Amino acid sequence: MITETLNQADQKMSKSVESTREEFAAIRAGRANPSMFSKLVAEYYGTLTPLQQLASFASQDARTIIVTPFDMGALDNIERSIRDSDLGVNPSNDGKSIRCSFPELTEDRRKEYIKIAKTKAEDGKVSVRNVRRNAKQDLEKLEKDGEVGKDDVTGAEKKLDGLTKKHTDEIDEMLKKKEAELLEV
């Protein structure tokens, strides 16, 4: 029972770390990247649909992404979704595709992106700590129900703390890399 609880906690913490990694990928650092569009959705026949399912993305150069819809009927909704997003880009529509030219990153914009990255890292660490809290409650419930002894729970809590530290350290390391990437000119 204890091993199962710890394994579930480890899996959930890993998912939190992976989610944070995806959030970091969406933050622009110098070069325009199609993954920046991964969180955007557009209305498609009355349903909010991820842009990745509606169009293909190609990197024309370091600051330009070409978005080509699979269905031309979705072109206007895709353009609207990109314009309304927090990407800081004004898309231009030529009737067949959408050209997204990203402006050069200024120092102020880089600092703003670092603040966003720090917020996303903290959200990821909070998620990991929430998993820890839930697992700890499960362990305490096992002890209360008399299924395991106090010593077993104490040992399991130490392992749980080790898992928590491992995952939060991983998020901190990703944040350091992202900050270095953002500050690189």
Protein backbone atom coordinates (compact mmCIF):
# COMPACT_ATOMS: atom_id res chain seq x y z
CA MET A 1 0.00 0.00 0.00
CA ILE A 2 2.77 2.44 0.92
CA THR A 3 4.76 1.59 -2.22
CA GLU A 4 1.66 2.10 -4.34
CA THR A 5 1.01 5.51 -2.76
CA LEU A 6 4.64 6.58 -3.31
CA ASN A 7 4.61 5.37 -6.93
CA GLN A 8 1.40 7.28 -7.66
CA ALA A 9 2.86 10.41 -6.07
CA ASP A 10 6.04 10.05 -8.14
CA GLN A 11 4.02 9.69 -11.36
CA LYS A 12 1.85 12.71 -10.57
CA MET A 13 4.90 14.81 -9.65
CA SER A 14 6.57 13.80 -12.92
CA LYS A 15 3.46 14.91 -14.80
CA SER A 16 3.61 18.27 -13.01
CA VAL A 17 7.26 18.66 -14.05
CA GLU A 18 6.41 17.73 -17.65
CA SER A 19 3.55 20.22 -17.68
CA THR A 20 5.93 22.92 -16.46
CA ARG A 21 8.39 21.94 -19.21
CA GLU A 22 5.62 22.42 -21.80
CA GLU A 23 4.74 25.80 -20.29
CA PHE A 24 8.39 26.85 -20.61
CA ALA A 25 8.47 25.74 -24.24
CA ALA A 26 5.64 28.16 -24.97
CA ILE A 27 7.71 31.11 -23.71
CA ARG A 28 9.58 32.73 -26.55
CA ALA A 29 13.34 33.05 -26.23
CA GLY A 30 14.92 34.76 -29.20
CA ARG A 31 13.89 32.29 -31.88
CA ALA A 32 10.26 31.82 -32.93
CA ASN A 33 9.14 28.26 -32.29
CA PRO A 34 5.92 26.48 -33.36
CA SER A 35 5.50 25.14 -29.79
CA MET A 36 4.61 28.70 -28.78
CA PHE A 37 1.19 28.04 -30.32
CA SER A 38 0.57 24.80 -28.41
CA LYS A 39 -1.75 26.34 -25.80
CA LEU A 40 -3.87 28.34 -28.25
CA VAL A 41 -7.36 27.29 -29.29
CA ALA A 42 -9.70 28.56 -31.99
CA GLU A 43 -13.39 28.05 -32.56
CA TYR A 44 -13.96 25.44 -35.26
CA TYR A 45 -17.57 24.60 -36.11
CA GLY A 46 -18.70 25.71 -32.67
CA THR A 47 -16.02 23.83 -30.72
CA LEU A 48 -12.82 25.20 -29.20
CA THR A 49 -10.06 23.23 -30.93
CA PRO A 50 -6.27 23.39 -30.38
CA LEU A 51 -4.50 25.19 -33.22
CA GLN A 52 -2.15 22.22 -33.63
CA GLN A 53 -5.17 20.23 -34.89
CA LEU A 54 -6.33 22.96 -37.28
CA ALA A 55 -3.12 24.00 -39.02
CA SER A 56 0.49 23.22 -39.78
CA PHE A 57 3.27 25.46 -38.49
CA ALA A 58 6.52 26.17 -40.32
CA SER A 59 9.44 28.29 -39.23
CA GLN A 60 10.38 30.56 -42.13
CA ASP A 61 13.26 32.25 -40.30
CA ALA A 62 14.28 33.02 -36.71
CA ARG A 63 11.40 35.47 -36.19
CA THR A 64 8.66 34.28 -38.57
CA ILE A 65 6.19 31.39 -38.33
CA ILE A 66 3.87 30.49 -41.20
CA VAL A 67 0.54 28.99 -40.13
CA THR A 68 -1.27 27.07 -42.89
CA PRO A 69 -4.79 25.86 -41.99
CA PHE A 70 -5.93 22.42 -43.14
CA ASP A 71 -9.42 23.87 -43.72
CA MET A 72 -9.50 27.39 -45.21
CA GLY A 73 -12.81 28.00 -43.44
CA ALA A 74 -10.92 28.13 -40.15
CA LEU A 75 -8.44 30.78 -41.35
CA ASP A 76 -10.21 33.78 -39.80
CA ASN A 77 -10.78 32.05 -36.44
CA ILE A 78 -7.14 30.96 -36.28
CA GLU A 79 -6.01 34.50 -37.06
CA ARG A 80 -8.32 35.90 -34.36
CA SER A 81 -7.01 33.38 -31.81
CA ILE A 82 -3.39 34.33 -32.51
CA ARG A 83 -4.16 38.06 -32.40
CA ASP A 84 -6.01 37.74 -29.06
CA SER A 85 -3.27 35.62 -27.46
CA ASP A 86 -0.43 36.90 -25.27
CA LEU A 87 2.22 36.10 -27.90
CA GLY A 88 2.70 39.77 -28.73
CA VAL A 89 2.37 39.24 -32.47
CA ASN A 90 0.11 40.79 -35.11
CA PRO A 91 -0.67 38.06 -37.66
CA SER A 92 -1.10 38.93 -41.34
CA ASN A 93 -3.47 36.88 -43.46
CA ASP A 94 -2.84 36.45 -47.21
CA GLY A 95 -5.93 34.30 -47.82
CA LYS A 96 -4.05 30.98 -47.78
CA SER A 97 -1.85 31.20 -44.72
CA ILE A 98 -1.07 33.40 -41.75
CA ARG A 99 2.34 34.98 -41.29
CA CYS A 100 3.34 35.69 -37.70
CA SER A 101 6.38 37.95 -37.48
CA PHE A 102 7.71 38.21 -33.95
CA PRO A 103 9.38 41.49 -32.99
CA GLU A 104 12.97 41.52 -31.75
CA LEU A 105 13.07 40.90 -28.00
CA THR A 106 13.83 44.04 -26.04
CA GLU A 107 15.44 43.96 -22.61
CA ASP A 108 12.13 44.87 -20.97
CA ARG A 109 10.32 42.09 -22.85
CA ARG A 110 13.02 39.58 -21.83
CA LYS A 111 12.59 40.59 -18.17
CA GLU A 112 8.83 40.22 -18.54
CA TYR A 113 9.30 36.70 -19.98
CA ILE A 114 11.59 35.83 -17.04
CA LYS A 115 8.83 36.90 -14.63
CA ILE A 116 6.37 34.71 -16.55
CA ALA A 117 8.82 31.79 -16.41
CA LYS A 118 9.27 32.25 -12.64
CA THR A 119 5.50 32.27 -12.17
CA LYS A 120 5.10 29.09 -14.21
CA ALA A 121 7.94 27.44 -12.25
CA GLU A 122 6.29 28.36 -8.96
CA ASP A 123 2.96 26.99 -10.22
CA GLY A 124 4.73 23.73 -11.07
CA LYS A 125 6.33 23.52 -7.62
CA VAL A 126 2.97 24.22 -5.96
CA SER A 127 1.49 21.38 -7.97
CA VAL A 128 4.27 19.04 -6.81
CA ARG A 129 3.74 20.10 -3.20
CA ASN A 130 -0.02 19.51 -3.54
CA VAL A 131 0.69 15.96 -4.71
CA ARG A 132 2.97 15.54 -1.67
CA ARG A 133 0.26 16.80 0.68
CA ASN A 134 -2.33 14.40 -0.79
CA ALA A 135 0.06 11.45 -0.60
CA LYS A 136 0.92 12.32 3.01
CA GLN A 137 -2.79 12.39 3.87
CA ASP A 138 -3.18 8.96 2.26
CA LEU A 139 -0.27 7.63 4.33
CA GLU A 140 -1.73 9.08 7.53
CA LYS A 141 -5.09 7.50 6.69
CA LEU A 142 -3.40 4.10 6.29
CA GLU A 143 -1.81 4.52 9.73
CA LYS A 144 -5.09 5.66 11.29
CA ASP A 145 -6.95 2.67 9.83
CA GLY A 146 -4.31 0.39 11.35
CA GLU A 147 -3.15 -1.03 7.99
CA VAL A 148 0.50 0.01 8.55
CA GLY A 149 2.65 0.97 11.52
CA LYS A 150 3.91 4.41 12.53
CA ASP A 151 7.52 3.52 11.63
CA ASP A 152 6.48 2.49 8.11
CA VAL A 153 4.64 5.78 7.61
CA THR A 154 7.59 7.80 8.94
CA GLY A 155 9.95 6.05 6.49
CA ALA A 156 7.49 6.56 3.65
CA GLU A 157 7.18 10.27 4.47
CA LYS A 158 10.96 10.63 4.25
CA LYS A 159 10.90 8.96 0.82
CA LEU A 160 8.03 11.25 -0.17
CA ASP A 161 10.03 14.30 0.91
CA GLY A 162 12.95 13.02 -1.19
CA LEU A 163 10.67 12.68 -4.23
CA THR A 164 9.32 16.17 -3.66
CA LYS A 165 12.82 17.64 -3.45
CA LYS A 166 13.92 15.79 -6.59
CA HIS A 167 11.00 17.14 -8.63
CA THR A 168 11.18 20.71 -7.31
CA ASP A 169 14.94 20.75 -7.99
CA GLU A 170 14.21 19.61 -11.54
CA ILE A 171 11.81 22.54 -12.00
CA ASP A 172 14.40 24.95 -10.55
CA GLU A 173 17.00 23.63 -13.01
CA MET A 174 14.59 24.12 -15.93
CA LEU A 175 13.98 27.69 -14.72
CA LYS A 176 17.72 28.43 -14.63
CA LYS A 177 18.11 27.16 -18.20
CA LYS A 178 15.13 29.18 -19.40
CA GLU A 179 16.44 32.36 -17.72
CA ALA A 180 19.85 31.87 -19.37
CA GLU A 181 18.12 31.28 -22.70
CA LEU A 182 16.04 34.44 -22.31
CA LEU A 183 19.00 36.62 -21.32
CA GLU A 184 21.10 35.36 -24.24
CA VAL A 185 21.28 38.05 -26.93
